[in-house]
Amino acid sequence: MVNGSNYLDGDPMDRWRLLKFETHNAYMNMAIDEAIMDARTRMLVPNTLRFYRWNPSAVSIGYFQKLETEVYLENCKKQNVDVVRRISGGGAVYHDACGEITYSVVADKESLKADDYLDFYTKIYAGIVEALKILGLEADFQKGDAKNCPNLTVKNKKISGSAQYHRGGIILQHGTILLDVNLEKMFTLLRVPWAKTCMEVVEIAKNRITSIKAELGKEIPIDIVHDALIDGFQRALNVSFKEEILTSYEKALAKKLYEEKYSRKEWNFTGKTSMK
């Protein structure tokens, strides 16, 4: 593993890092998120905000889920859709290559000034609420329940969902903001146990899931949404961002996580890894 110098040796920890918007496959996206988490836990990097997309499209499942019961694996294979297990909890999510932007926040709990996991969701989601407001949409925070993580809705329809992972006083929260949504494709990939047919789920989902395009009646360029999200998080968290890149430590660890964990069946099917 690559050695890294302690971030406290240089810049103050209250400065947030903004990583360049990038596109990766599912395995590398999850590897990068965990590498940032590891580096932040070791105090090698500051609190970090990252935005990314998925190519090819992918399905991610929560750490505690069973792959075969959540995903139509054969359909994913036929449609060239990657499948990956997250380190965070929550449910299965379809990540469309063109239909969403994903964010991740990695920060120490003290900086977020939150009392519990729900408060962390509230504080971080506030950045997305502000971003959607900039774009002309009013979003509401939903607390979720025992089976569903907290989420954001517009006119009672879900537009953003997230999941968390905690380690050593550091929190990773990552989630999606729907730019557009293809429900038919989504539910040929995600299993819904109670549904008899895909179309049955789609008809119900039309009243429960929405997107920026659906609400505004037009497609919004990704760079406009990206800029709104940066502004939204800056306002909500009352921080300033400095655009930087991954450190050599994070790049090396992400490569190792990609090769020895996230791209392997052992992790994706069982949640176990032989990585050392």
Foldseek 3Di string as FASTA:
>chain_A
DDDADAPVVDDDQQAEAEEDEEEDAPLLVQLLLVLVQVCVLSNRDHKYKYKYAHPQKEKEAELPDAVVQWWPVVLCVVVVYYYWYHPWGFGIDTGHRPWKMKMKIKHFPVLLPADDPLRVCVLQCQLVQQLVVVVPFHKDWDCADPRHHIAIDGPQAGQKGWTWDDDNRMIMIMIIGTQADDQLSGQVTTDDVVDPDSVVVVVVNVVHHGHPCRVVVHGDDPVSSVVSSQVSNCVSSVHDYDYDHDDPSSVVSSVQSSVFPTVDPCCRRPVDGPRD
